[in-house]
Amino acid sequence: MGNKLITLLRRAEHILRKIIIPGYDVDIISSGLIVKLRISKDGSVLGVSVNLSGFDPRCLYCSTLNEYLIVNMSRKAYSELVRNGFKEVYFFDYRTNRLVDLELAKYVLKE
């Protein structure tokens, strides 16, 4: 089972590395926008930790990205992951671990 989970995480990372932030020519993982990927023990649920604050020194681009662009990049990431076979994908603010609501036009955390 461990090899299957590693393969799924690598596949998710590969998908996300193809998503380029417009105007920056850097993918959403290398930029630091996506901080961490987690997968459930059975491989059915993928959790994506997103840097929404712009205060992390590892994220060189986050302080210049506006909330609208961050949410749109997260929506694109969600769409690509689902399109590539991931059934359940959730985005979390990596500082608070609160679920990010991608349905809204602006950044809002679900309680």
Foldseek 3Di string as FASTA:
>chain_A
DVVVLVVLVVVLVVLQQVDAQPPPRGGCVQQCQFPDWDADPVRQEIETAGAQPLPDPSRPCNVVDDQQSSLVSVVVSVVSSVVVPRPHYWYAHVVVRFTWDSVDSGTDTDD
